[in-house]
Amino acid sequence: MESLNGLTVSGRVELVAGALLLIVLIAEGWLLMQMMTQRGRLLPRIEALEKRLGMSAQPAPGPRAWHSGSGLRSCLTSKGRQLRCKNCGR
Protein backbone atom coordinates (compact mmCIF):
# COMPACT_ATOMS: atom_id res chain seq x y z
CA MET A 1 0.00 0.00 0.00
CA GLU A 2 2.97 2.30 0.39
CA SER A 3 3.45 2.27 -3.37
CA LEU A 4 -0.03 3.78 -3.77
CA ASN A 5 0.93 6.65 -1.47
CA GLY A 6 3.76 7.57 -3.81
CA LEU A 7 1.44 7.98 -6.80
CA THR A 8 0.38 11.38 -8.03
CA VAL A 9 -3.29 12.24 -8.50
CA SER A 10 -3.08 11.54 -12.22
CA GLY A 11 -1.42 8.20 -11.51
CA ARG A 12 -4.23 7.23 -9.15
CA VAL A 13 -6.82 8.26 -11.75
CA GLU A 14 -5.08 6.12 -14.36
CA LEU A 15 -4.97 3.18 -11.97
CA VAL A 16 -8.68 3.45 -11.17
CA ALA A 17 -9.56 3.90 -14.87
CA GLY A 18 -7.50 0.83 -15.77
CA ALA A 19 -9.16 -1.23 -13.04
CA LEU A 20 -12.63 -0.12 -14.22
CA LEU A 21 -11.74 -0.97 -17.82
CA LEU A 22 -10.60 -4.41 -16.75
CA ILE A 23 -13.86 -4.98 -14.84
CA VAL A 24 -15.91 -3.86 -17.86
CA LEU A 25 -13.99 -6.19 -20.18
CA ILE A 26 -14.46 -9.14 -17.85
CA ALA A 27 -18.19 -8.38 -17.54
CA GLU A 28 -18.51 -8.09 -21.33
CA GLY A 29 -16.80 -11.45 -21.82
CA TRP A 30 -19.09 -13.08 -19.29
CA LEU A 31 -22.15 -11.56 -20.97
CA LEU A 32 -21.01 -12.77 -24.40
CA MET A 33 -20.53 -16.28 -23.05
CA GLN A 34 -24.04 -16.22 -21.56
CA MET A 35 -25.52 -15.03 -24.85
CA MET A 36 -23.73 -17.72 -26.86
CA THR A 37 -24.88 -20.40 -24.42
CA GLN A 38 -28.46 -19.15 -24.68
CA ARG A 39 -28.24 -19.08 -28.48
CA GLY A 40 -26.98 -22.64 -28.44
CA ARG A 41 -29.99 -23.76 -26.42
CA LEU A 42 -32.56 -21.81 -28.42
CA LEU A 43 -31.42 -22.60 -31.95
CA PRO A 44 -32.34 -26.33 -31.90
CA ARG A 45 -35.71 -25.50 -30.35
CA ILE A 46 -36.47 -22.92 -33.04
CA GLU A 47 -35.41 -25.34 -35.78
CA ALA A 48 -37.66 -28.06 -34.32
CA LEU A 49 -40.57 -25.62 -34.17
CA GLU A 50 -40.00 -24.58 -37.80
CA LYS A 51 -39.87 -28.24 -38.83
CA ARG A 52 -43.10 -28.98 -36.96
CA LEU A 53 -44.85 -26.01 -38.59
CA GLY A 54 -43.56 -27.00 -42.03
CA MET A 55 -41.47 -23.90 -42.51
CA SER A 56 -38.28 -24.39 -44.46
CA ALA A 57 -35.13 -22.44 -43.87
CA GLN A 58 -34.81 -20.10 -46.83
CA PRO A 59 -31.71 -18.09 -47.63
CA ALA A 60 -31.88 -14.36 -47.16
CA PRO A 61 -33.00 -12.52 -50.28
CA GLY A 62 -30.42 -10.69 -52.34
CA PRO A 63 -30.45 -6.97 -53.05
CA ARG A 64 -33.69 -5.73 -54.56
CA ALA A 65 -33.90 -3.27 -57.38
CA TRP A 66 -35.80 -0.02 -56.91
CA HIS A 67 -36.55 2.91 -59.14
CA SER A 68 -34.81 6.13 -58.23
CA GLY A 69 -38.02 8.11 -58.68
CA SER A 70 -36.26 10.95 -60.44
CA GLY A 71 -38.10 10.36 -63.73
CA LEU A 72 -35.22 8.30 -65.06
CA ARG A 73 -35.98 4.66 -65.65
CA SER A 74 -32.78 3.47 -64.07
CA CYS A 75 -33.10 0.61 -61.63
CA LEU A 76 -30.64 0.78 -58.77
CA THR A 77 -29.76 -1.27 -55.77
CA SER A 78 -28.95 0.23 -52.43
CA LYS A 79 -25.27 0.04 -53.40
CA GLY A 80 -25.78 1.89 -56.68
CA ARG A 81 -25.26 -1.07 -59.03
CA GLN A 82 -27.60 -1.64 -61.95
CA LEU A 83 -29.78 -4.74 -61.92
CA ARG A 84 -32.31 -6.25 -64.27
CA CYS A 85 -35.64 -5.06 -62.95
CA LYS A 86 -38.96 -6.88 -63.16
CA ASN A 87 -40.85 -3.58 -63.41
CA CYS A 88 -39.17 -2.01 -66.40
CA GLY A 89 -37.42 -5.06 -67.91
CA ARG A 90 -34.00 -3.35 -68.07
PDB file of N, CA and C in Angstrom:
ATOM      1  N   MET A   1       0.809  -1.194   0.000  1.00  0.00           N
ATOM      2  CA  MET A   1       0.000   0.000   0.000  1.00  0.00           C
ATOM      3  C   MET A   1       0.852   1.258   0.000  1.00  0.00           C
ATOM      4  N   GLU A   2       2.104   1.122   0.400  1.00  0.00           N
ATOM      5  CA  GLU A   2       2.968   2.303   0.391  1.00  0.00           C
ATOM      6  C   GLU A   2       3.237   2.778  -1.030  1.00  0.00           C
ATOM      7  N   SER A   3       3.206   1.861  -1.986  1.00  0.00           N
ATOM      8  CA  SER A   3       3.447   2.268  -3.365  1.00  0.00           C
ATOM      9  C   SER A   3       2.306   3.128  -3.889  1.00  0.00           C
ATOM     10  N   LEU A   4       1.092   2.939  -3.373  1.00  0.00           N
ATOM     11  CA  LEU A   4      -0.030   3.784  -3.769  1.00  0.00           C
ATOM     12  C   LEU A   4       0.103   5.193  -3.217  1.00  0.00           C
ATOM     13  N   ASN A   5       0.738   5.324  -2.053  1.00  0.00           N
ATOM     14  CA  ASN A   5       0.928   6.654  -1.470  1.00  0.00           C
ATOM     15  C   ASN A   5       1.890   7.495  -2.298  1.00  0.00           C
ATOM     16  N   GLY A   6       2.793   6.857  -2.999  1.00  0.00           N
ATOM     17  CA  GLY A   6       3.763   7.569  -3.806  1.00  0.00           C
ATOM     18  C   GLY A   6       3.222   8.021  -5.152  1.00  0.00           C
ATOM     19  N   LEU A   7       2.014   7.605  -5.514  1.00  0.00           N
ATOM     20  CA  LEU A   7       1.444   7.984  -6.803  1.00  0.00           C
ATOM     21  C   LEU A   7       0.889   9.404  -6.773  1.00  0.00           C
ATOM     22  N   THR A   8       0.992  10.054  -7.907  1.00  0.00           N
ATOM     23  CA  THR A   8       0.378  11.377  -8.033  1.00  0.00           C
ATOM     24  C   THR A   8      -1.120  11.193  -8.258  1.00  0.00           C
ATOM     25  N   VAL A   9      -1.844  12.289  -8.288  1.00  0.00           N
ATOM     26  CA  VAL A   9      -3.292  12.239  -8.502  1.00  0.00           C
ATOM     27  C   VAL A   9      -3.592  11.645  -9.875  1.00  0.00           C
ATOM     28  N   SER A  10      -2.842  12.074 -10.884  1.00  0.00           N
ATOM     29  CA  SER A  10      -3.079  11.536 -12.224  1.00  0.00           C
ATOM     30  C   SER A  10      -2.746  10.043 -12.283  1.00  0.00           C
ATOM     31  N   GLY A  11      -1.755   9.614 -11.561  1.00  0.00           N
ATOM     32  CA  GLY A  11      -1.417   8.202 -11.506  1.00  0.00           C
ATOM     33  C   GLY A  11      -2.519   7.383 -10.860  1.00  0.00           C
ATOM     34  N   ARG A  12      -3.114   7.923  -9.802  1.00  0.00           N
ATOM     35  CA  ARG A  12      -4.230   7.234  -9.151  1.00  0.00           C
ATOM     36  C   ARG A  12      -5.445   7.162 -10.069  1.00  0.00           C
ATOM     37  N   VAL A  13      -5.698   8.245 -10.814  1.00  0.00           N
ATOM     38  CA  VAL A  13      -6.821   8.263 -11.755  1.00  0.00           C
ATOM     39  C   VAL A  13      -6.601   7.213 -12.834  1.00  0.00           C
ATOM     40  N   GLU A  14      -5.381   7.129 -13.342  1.00  0.00           N
ATOM     41  CA  GLU A  14      -5.077   6.123 -14.363  1.00  0.00           C
ATOM     42  C   GLU A  14      -5.236   4.715 -13.814  1.00  0.00           C
ATOM     43  N   LEU A  15      -4.840   4.495 -12.590  1.00  0.00           N
ATOM     44  CA  LEU A  15      -4.971   3.184 -11.966  1.00  0.00           C
ATOM     45  C   LEU A  15      -6.441   2.794 -11.809  1.00  0.00           C
ATOM     46  N   VAL A  16      -7.246   3.721 -11.343  1.00  0.00           N
ATOM     47  CA  VAL A  16      -8.676   3.453 -11.174  1.00  0.00           C
ATOM     48  C   VAL A  16      -9.341   3.232 -12.535  1.00  0.00           C
ATOM     49  N   ALA A  17      -8.984   4.054 -13.532  1.00  0.00           N
ATOM     50  CA  ALA A  17      -9.558   3.897 -14.869  1.00  0.00           C
ATOM     51  C   ALA A  17      -9.172   2.542 -15.463  1.00  0.00           C
ATOM     52  N   GLY A  18      -7.941   2.127 -15.277  1.00  0.00           N
ATOM     53  CA  GLY A  18      -7.502   0.826 -15.774  1.00  0.00           C
ATOM     54  C   GLY A  18      -8.237  -0.319 -15.093  1.00  0.00           C
ATOM     55  N   ALA A  19      -8.433  -0.189 -13.771  1.00  0.00           N
ATOM     56  CA  ALA A  19      -9.163  -1.227 -13.040  1.00  0.00           C
ATOM     57  C   ALA A  19     -10.617  -1.291 -13.508  1.00  0.00           C
ATOM     58  N   LEU A  20     -11.245  -0.144 -13.731  1.00  0.00           N
ATOM     59  CA  LEU A  20     -12.626  -0.122 -14.221  1.00  0.00           C
ATOM     60  C   LEU A  20     -12.721  -0.719 -15.627  1.00  0.00           C
ATOM     61  N   LEU A  21     -11.753  -0.405 -16.464  1.00  0.00           N
ATOM     62  CA  LEU A  21     -11.739  -0.966 -17.817  1.00  0.00           C
ATOM     63  C   LEU A  21     -11.602  -2.485 -17.764  1.00  0.00           C
ATOM     64  N   LEU A  22     -10.768  -2.976 -16.903  1.00  0.00           N
ATOM     65  CA  LEU A  22     -10.602  -4.410 -16.748  1.00  0.00           C
ATOM     66  C   LEU A  22     -11.899  -5.064 -16.278  1.00  0.00           C
ATOM     67  N   ILE A  23     -12.581  -4.446 -15.338  1.00  0.00           N
ATOM     68  CA  ILE A  23     -13.857  -4.979 -14.841  1.00  0.00           C
ATOM     69  C   ILE A  23     -14.898  -4.996 -15.955  1.00  0.00           C
ATOM     70  N   VAL A  24     -14.953  -3.923 -16.754  1.00  0.00           N
ATOM     71  CA  VAL A  24     -15.913  -3.856 -17.856  1.00  0.00           C
ATOM     72  C   VAL A  24     -15.616  -4.941 -18.890  1.00  0.00           C
ATOM     73  N   LEU A  25     -14.350  -5.153 -19.214  1.00  0.00           N
ATOM     74  CA  LEU A  25     -13.989  -6.188 -20.184  1.00  0.00           C
ATOM     75  C   LEU A  25     -14.336  -7.587 -19.688  1.00  0.00           C
ATOM     76  N   ILE A  26     -14.116  -7.839 -18.424  1.00  0.00           N
ATOM     77  CA  ILE A  26     -14.463  -9.142 -17.849  1.00  0.00           C
ATOM     78  C   ILE A  26     -15.975  -9.335 -17.874  1.00  0.00           C
ATOM     79  N   ALA A  27     -16.734  -8.291 -17.521  1.00  0.00           N
ATOM     80  CA  ALA A  27     -18.195  -8.382 -17.544  1.00  0.00           C
ATOM     81  C   ALA A  27     -18.709  -8.590 -18.965  1.00  0.00           C
ATOM     82  N   GLU A  28     -18.102  -7.928 -19.932  1.00  0.00           N
ATOM     83  CA  GLU A  28     -18.508  -8.093 -21.326  1.00  0.00           C
ATOM     84  C   GLU A  28     -18.240  -9.517 -21.804  1.00  0.00           C
ATOM     85  N   GLY A  29     -17.110 -10.069 -21.456  1.00  0.00           N
ATOM     86  CA  GLY A  29     -16.799 -11.447 -21.824  1.00  0.00           C
ATOM     87  C   GLY A  29     -17.778 -12.427 -21.209  1.00  0.00           C
ATOM     88  N   TRP A  30     -18.133 -12.210 -19.953  1.00  0.00           N
ATOM     89  CA  TRP A  30     -19.093 -13.081 -19.286  1.00  0.00           C
ATOM     90  C   TRP A  30     -20.451 -12.982 -19.977  1.00  0.00           C
ATOM     91  N   LEU A  31     -20.870 -11.761 -20.307  1.00  0.00           N
ATOM     92  CA  LEU A  31     -22.154 -11.558 -20.969  1.00  0.00           C
ATOM     93  C   LEU A  31     -22.175 -12.220 -22.350  1.00  0.00           C
ATOM     94  N   LEU A  32     -21.090 -12.106 -23.091  1.00  0.00           N
ATOM     95  CA  LEU A  32     -21.011 -12.767 -24.395  1.00  0.00           C
ATOM     96  C   LEU A  32     -21.109 -14.283 -24.269  1.00  0.00           C
ATOM     97  N   MET A  33     -20.454 -14.835 -23.269  1.00  0.00           N
ATOM     98  CA  MET A  33     -20.531 -16.282 -23.051  1.00  0.00           C
ATOM     99  C   MET A  33     -21.961 -16.702 -22.715  1.00  0.00           C
ATOM    100  N   GLN A  34     -22.653 -15.916 -21.903  1.00  0.00           N
ATOM    101  CA  GLN A  34     -24.038 -16.221 -21.557  1.00  0.00           C
ATOM    102  C   GLN A  34     -24.938 -16.165 -22.791  1.00  0.00           C
ATOM    103  N   MET A  35     -24.713 -15.168 -23.641  1.00  0.00           N
ATOM    104  CA  MET A  35     -25.520 -15.025 -24.851  1.00  0.00           C
ATOM    105  C   MET A  35     -25.281 -16.187 -25.805  1.00  0.00           C
ATOM    106  N   MET A  36     -24.040 -16.609 -25.967  1.00  0.00           N
ATOM    107  CA  MET A  36     -23.732 -17.717 -26.859  1.00  0.00           C
ATOM    108  C   MET A  36     -24.323 -19.024 -26.320  1.00  0.00           C
ATOM    109  N   THR A  37     -24.290 -19.207 -25.023  1.00  0.00           N
ATOM    110  CA  THR A  37     -24.882 -20.398 -24.424  1.00  0.00           C
ATOM    111  C   THR A  37     -26.387 -20.405 -24.655  1.00  0.00           C
ATOM    112  N   GLN A  38     -27.025 -19.260 -24.464  1.00  0.00           N
ATOM    113  CA  GLN A  38     -28.465 -19.149 -24.678  1.00  0.00           C
ATOM    114  C   GLN A  38     -28.809 -19.421 -26.139  1.00  0.00           C
ATOM    115  N   ARG A  39     -28.006 -18.863 -27.053  1.00  0.00           N
ATOM    116  CA  ARG A  39     -28.240 -19.082 -28.483  1.00  0.00           C
ATOM    117  C   ARG A  39     -28.120 -20.561 -28.808  1.00  0.00           C
ATOM    118  N   GLY A  40     -27.169 -21.223 -28.204  1.00  0.00           N
ATOM    119  CA  GLY A  40     -26.984 -22.644 -28.439  1.00  0.00           C
ATOM    120  C   GLY A  40     -28.153 -23.478 -27.955  1.00  0.00           C
ATOM    121  N   ARG A  41     -28.821 -23.032 -26.909  1.00  0.00           N
ATOM    122  CA  ARG A  41     -29.990 -23.757 -26.419  1.00  0.00           C
ATOM    123  C   ARG A  41     -31.232 -23.448 -27.235  1.00  0.00           C
ATOM    124  N   LEU A  42     -31.355 -22.214 -27.709  1.00  0.00           N
ATOM    125  CA  LEU A  42     -32.563 -21.812 -28.418  1.00  0.00           C
ATOM    126  C   LEU A  42     -32.596 -22.260 -29.872  1.00  0.00           C
ATOM    127  N   LEU A  43     -31.450 -22.296 -30.523  1.00  0.00           N
ATOM    128  CA  LEU A  43     -31.418 -22.605 -31.949  1.00  0.00           C
ATOM    129  C   LEU A  43     -32.030 -23.965 -32.278  1.00  0.00           C
ATOM    130  N   PRO A  44     -31.690 -25.044 -31.583  1.00  0.00           N
ATOM    131  CA  PRO A  44     -32.341 -26.327 -31.899  1.00  0.00           C
ATOM    132  C   PRO A  44     -33.847 -26.305 -31.644  1.00  0.00           C
ATOM    133  N   ARG A  45     -34.275 -25.577 -30.629  1.00  0.00           N
ATOM    134  CA  ARG A  45     -35.710 -25.498 -30.349  1.00  0.00           C
ATOM    135  C   ARG A  45     -36.439 -24.751 -31.458  1.00  0.00           C
ATOM    136  N   ILE A  46     -35.844 -23.678 -31.956  1.00  0.00           N
ATOM    137  CA  ILE A  46     -36.467 -22.921 -33.045  1.00  0.00           C
ATOM    138  C   ILE A  46     -36.512 -23.764 -34.314  1.00  0.00           C
ATOM    139  N   GLU A  47     -35.424 -24.478 -34.604  1.00  0.00           N
ATOM    140  CA  GLU A  47     -35.406 -25.340 -35.785  1.00  0.00           C
ATOM    141  C   GLU A  47     -36.452 -26.439 -35.685  1.00  0.00           C
ATOM    142  N   ALA A  48     -36.641 -27.027 -34.493  1.00  0.00           N
ATOM    143  CA  ALA A  48     -37.660 -28.063 -34.315  1.00  0.00           C
ATOM    144  C   ALA A  48     -39.059 -27.477 -34.502  1.00  0.00           C
ATOM    145  N   LEU A  49     -39.276 -26.278 -34.006  1.00  0.00           N
ATOM    146  CA  LEU A  49     -40.566 -25.615 -34.171  1.00  0.00           C
ATOM    147  C   LEU A  49     -40.840 -25.320 -35.640  1.00  0.00           C
ATOM    148  N   GLU A  50     -39.834 -24.832 -36.365  1.00  0.00           N
ATOM    149  CA  GLU A  50     -39.995 -24.575 -37.798  1.00  0.00           C
ATOM    150  C   GLU A  50     -40.299 -25.870 -38.546  1.00  0.00           C
ATOM    151  N   LYS A  51     -39.641 -26.950 -38.178  1.00  0.00           N
ATOM    152  CA  LYS A  51     -39.874 -28.235 -38.835  1.00  0.00           C
ATOM    153  C   LYS A  51     -41.289 -28.713 -38.563  1.00  0.00           C
ATOM    154  N   ARG A  52     -41.756 -28.552 -37.328  1.00  0.00           N
ATOM    155  CA  ARG A  52     -43.101 -28.976 -36.964  1.00  0.00           C
ATOM    156  C   ARG A  52     -44.166 -28.158 -37.685  1.00  0.00           C
ATOM    157  N   LEU A  53     -43.896 -26.870 -37.902  1.00  0.00           N
ATOM    158  CA  LEU A  53     -44.847 -26.007 -38.593  1.00  0.00           C
ATOM    159  C   LEU A  53     -44.730 -26.097 -40.108  1.00  0.00           C
ATOM    160  N   GLY A  54     -43.727 -26.827 -40.593  1.00  0.00           N
ATOM    161  CA  GLY A  54     -43.560 -27.002 -42.030  1.00  0.00           C
ATOM    162  C   GLY A  54     -42.857 -25.832 -42.697  1.00  0.00           C
ATOM    163  N   MET A  55     -42.209 -25.032 -41.933  1.00  0.00           N
ATOM    164  CA  MET A  55     -41.467 -23.904 -42.508  1.00  0.00           C
ATOM    165  C   MET A  55     -40.082 -24.401 -42.884  1.00  0.00           C
ATOM    166  N   SER A  56     -39.627 -23.998 -44.056  1.00  0.00           N
ATOM    167  CA  SER A  56     -38.284 -24.393 -44.462  1.00  0.00           C
ATOM    168  C   SER A  56     -37.348 -23.202 -44.304  1.00  0.00           C
ATOM    169  N   ALA A  57     -36.123 -23.504 -43.999  1.00  0.00           N
ATOM    170  CA  ALA A  57     -35.128 -22.439 -43.875  1.00  0.00           C
ATOM    171  C   ALA A  57     -34.791 -21.937 -45.265  1.00  0.00           C
ATOM    172  N   GLN A  58     -35.087 -20.682 -45.525  1.00  0.00           N
ATOM    173  CA  GLN A  58     -34.812 -20.100 -46.829  1.00  0.00           C
ATOM    174  C   GLN A  58     -33.673 -19.114 -46.695  1.00  0.00           C
ATOM    175  N   PRO A  59     -32.806 -19.053 -47.702  1.00  0.00           N
ATOM    176  CA  PRO A  59     -31.708 -18.088 -47.630  1.00  0.00           C
ATOM    177  C   PRO A  59     -32.246 -16.662 -47.688  1.00  0.00           C
ATOM    178  N   ALA A  60     -31.487 -15.762 -47.153  1.00  0.00           N
ATOM    179  CA  ALA A  60     -31.877 -14.356 -47.161  1.00  0.00           C
ATOM    180  C   ALA A  60     -31.924 -13.854 -48.595  1.00  0.00           C
ATOM    181  N   PRO A  61     -32.916 -13.026 -48.912  1.00  0.00           N
ATOM    182  CA  PRO A  61     -33.005 -12.517 -50.284  1.00  0.00           C
ATOM    183  C   PRO A  61     -31.841 -11.595 -50.608  1.00  0.00           C
ATOM    184  N   GLY A  62     -31.500 -11.566 -51.891  1.00  0.00           N
ATOM    185  CA  GLY A  62     -30.415 -10.695 -52.344  1.00  0.00           C
ATOM    186  C   GLY A  62     -30.891  -9.254 -52.430  1.00  0.00           C
ATOM    187  N   PRO A  63     -30.056  -8.373 -52.950  1.00  0.00           N
ATOM    188  CA  PRO A  63     -30.453  -6.974 -53.054  1.00  0.00           C
ATOM    189  C   PRO A  63     -31.603  -6.814 -54.043  1.00  0.00           C
ATOM    190  N   ARG A  64     -32.540  -5.963 -53.703  1.00  0.00           N
ATOM    191  CA  ARG A  64     -33.692  -5.730 -54.563  1.00  0.00           C
ATOM    192  C   ARG A  64     -33.495  -4.446 -55.345  1.00  0.00           C
ATOM    193  N   ALA A  65     -33.998  -4.463 -56.551  1.00  0.00           N
ATOM    194  CA  ALA A  65     -33.902  -3.271 -57.382  1.00  0.00           C
ATOM    195  C   ALA A  65     -35.026  -2.312 -57.011  1.00  0.00           C
ATOM    196  N   TRP A  66     -34.771  -1.038 -57.145  1.00  0.00           N
ATOM    197  CA  TRP A  66     -35.800  -0.021 -56.909  1.00  0.00           C
ATOM    198  C   TRP A  66     -35.583   1.109 -57.883  1.00  0.00           C
ATOM    199  N   HIS A  67     -36.639   1.786 -58.217  1.00  0.00           N
ATOM    200  CA  HIS A  67     -36.554   2.906 -59.139  1.00  0.00           C
ATOM    201  C   HIS A  67     -36.173   4.144 -58.353  1.00  0.00           C
ATOM    202  N   SER A  68     -35.300   4.954 -58.952  1.00  0.00           N
ATOM    203  CA  SER A  68     -34.806   6.126 -58.235  1.00  0.00           C
ATOM    204  C   SER A  68     -35.877   7.174 -58.046  1.00  0.00           C
ATOM    205  N   GLY A  69     -36.927   7.163 -58.855  1.00  0.00           N
ATOM    206  CA  GLY A  69     -38.019   8.106 -58.680  1.00  0.00           C
ATOM    207  C   GLY A  69     -37.729   9.481 -59.237  1.00  0.00           C
ATOM    208  N   SER A  70     -36.633   9.639 -59.916  1.00  0.00           N
ATOM    209  CA  SER A  70     -36.262  10.950 -60.445  1.00  0.00           C
ATOM    210  C   SER A  70     -36.753  11.137 -61.873  1.00  0.00           C
ATOM    211  N   GLY A  71     -37.644  10.272 -62.358  1.00  0.00           N
ATOM    212  CA  GLY A  71     -38.098  10.364 -63.731  1.00  0.00           C
ATOM    213  C   GLY A  71     -37.250   9.532 -64.658  1.00  0.00           C
ATOM    214  N   LEU A  72     -36.074   9.188 -64.274  1.00  0.00           N
ATOM    215  CA  LEU A  72     -35.220   8.302 -65.058  1.00  0.00           C
ATOM    216  C   LEU A  72     -35.674   6.879 -64.810  1.00  0.00           C
ATOM    217  N   ARG A  73     -35.542   6.039 -65.799  1.00  0.00           N
ATOM    218  CA  ARG A  73     -35.979   4.661 -65.650  1.00  0.00           C
ATOM    219  C   ARG A  73     -34.819   3.765 -65.230  1.00  0.00           C
ATOM    220  N   SER A  74     -33.912   4.289 -64.492  1.00  0.00           N
ATOM    221  CA  SER A  74     -32.780   3.466 -64.072  1.00  0.00           C
ATOM    222  C   SER A  74     -33.156   2.704 -62.807  1.00  0.00           C
ATOM    223  N   CYS A  75     -32.859   1.444 -62.799  1.00  0.00           N
ATOM    224  CA  CYS A  75     -33.100   0.611 -61.632  1.00  0.00           C
ATOM    225  C   CYS A  75     -31.788   0.507 -60.863  1.00  0.00           C
ATOM    226  N   LEU A  76     -31.848   0.775 -59.587  1.00  0.00           N
ATOM    227  CA  LEU A  76     -30.643   0.785 -58.772  1.00  0.00           C
ATOM    228  C   LEU A  76     -30.825  -0.134 -57.581  1.00  0.00           C
ATOM    229  N   THR A  77     -29.729  -0.594 -57.052  1.00  0.00           N
ATOM    230  CA  THR A  77     -29.763  -1.269 -55.770  1.00  0.00           C
ATOM    231  C   THR A  77     -29.350  -0.253 -54.735  1.00  0.00           C
ATOM    232  N   SER A  78     -29.354  -0.674 -53.489  1.00  0.00           N
ATOM    233  CA  SER A  78     -28.945   0.229 -52.425  1.00  0.00           C
ATOM    234  C   SER A  78     -27.464   0.579 -52.528  1.00  0.00           C
ATOM    235  N   LYS A  79     -26.698  -0.234 -53.257  1.00  0.00           N
ATOM    236  CA  LYS A  79     -25.272   0.036 -53.399  1.00  0.00           C
ATOM    237  C   LYS A  79     -24.958   0.749 -54.711  1.00  0.00           C
ATOM    238  N   GLY A  80     -25.993   1.113 -55.476  1.00  0.00           N
ATOM    239  CA  GLY A  80     -25.779   1.892 -56.685  1.00  0.00           C
ATOM    240  C   GLY A  80     -25.460   1.081 -57.928  1.00  0.00           C
ATOM    241  N   ARG A  81     -25.526  -0.254 -57.866  1.00  0.00           N
ATOM    242  CA  ARG A  81     -25.256  -1.075 -59.033  1.00  0.00           C
ATOM    243  C   ARG A  81     -26.550  -1.279 -59.811  1.00  0.00           C
ATOM    244  N   GLN A  82     -26.424  -1.389 -61.124  1.00  0.00           N
ATOM    245  CA  GLN A  82     -27.596  -1.637 -61.947  1.00  0.00           C
ATOM    246  C   GLN A  82     -27.948  -3.115 -61.933  1.00  0.00           C
ATOM    247  N   LEU A  83     -29.261  -3.378 -61.894  1.00  0.00           N
ATOM    248  CA  LEU A  83     -29.779  -4.739 -61.924  1.00  0.00           C
ATOM    249  C   LEU A  83     -30.847  -4.839 -63.002  1.00  0.00           C
ATOM    250  N   ARG A  84     -31.160  -6.041 -63.391  1.00  0.00           N
ATOM    251  CA  ARG A  84     -32.308  -6.249 -64.270  1.00  0.00           C
ATOM    252  C   ARG A  84     -33.546  -6.176 -63.384  1.00  0.00           C
ATOM    253  N   CYS A  85     -34.476  -5.324 -63.780  1.00  0.00           N
ATOM    254  CA  CYS A  85     -35.641  -5.059 -62.947  1.00  0.00           C
ATOM    255  C   CYS A  85     -36.879  -5.706 -63.549  1.00  0.00           C
ATOM    256  N   LYS A  86     -37.727  -6.285 -62.693  1.00  0.00           N
ATOM    257  CA  LYS A  86     -38.961  -6.882 -63.159  1.00  0.00           C
ATOM    258  C   LYS A  86     -39.947  -5.825 -63.627  1.00  0.00           C
ATOM    259  N   ASN A  87     -39.882  -4.631 -63.065  1.00  0.00           N
ATOM    260  CA  ASN A  87     -40.850  -3.579 -63.407  1.00  0.00           C
ATOM    261  C   ASN A  87     -40.629  -3.006 -64.786  1.00  0.00           C
ATOM    262  N   CYS A  88     -39.416  -2.667 -65.116  1.00  0.00           N
ATOM    263  CA  CYS A  88     -39.169  -2.009 -66.404  1.00  0.00           C
ATOM    264  C   CYS A  88     -38.485  -2.932 -67.415  1.00  0.00           C
ATOM    265  N   GLY A  89     -38.017  -4.103 -66.994  1.00  0.00           N
ATOM    266  CA  GLY A  89     -37.416  -5.062 -67.906  1.00  0.00           C
ATOM    267  C   GLY A  89     -35.994  -4.744 -68.285  1.00  0.00           C
ATOM    268  N   ARG A  90     -35.384  -3.693 -67.737  1.00  0.00           N
ATOM    269  CA  ARG A  90     -34.000  -3.354 -68.072  1.00  0.00           C
ATOM    270  C   ARG A  90     -33.059  -3.956 -67.074  1.00  0.00           C
TER     271      ARG A  90
END
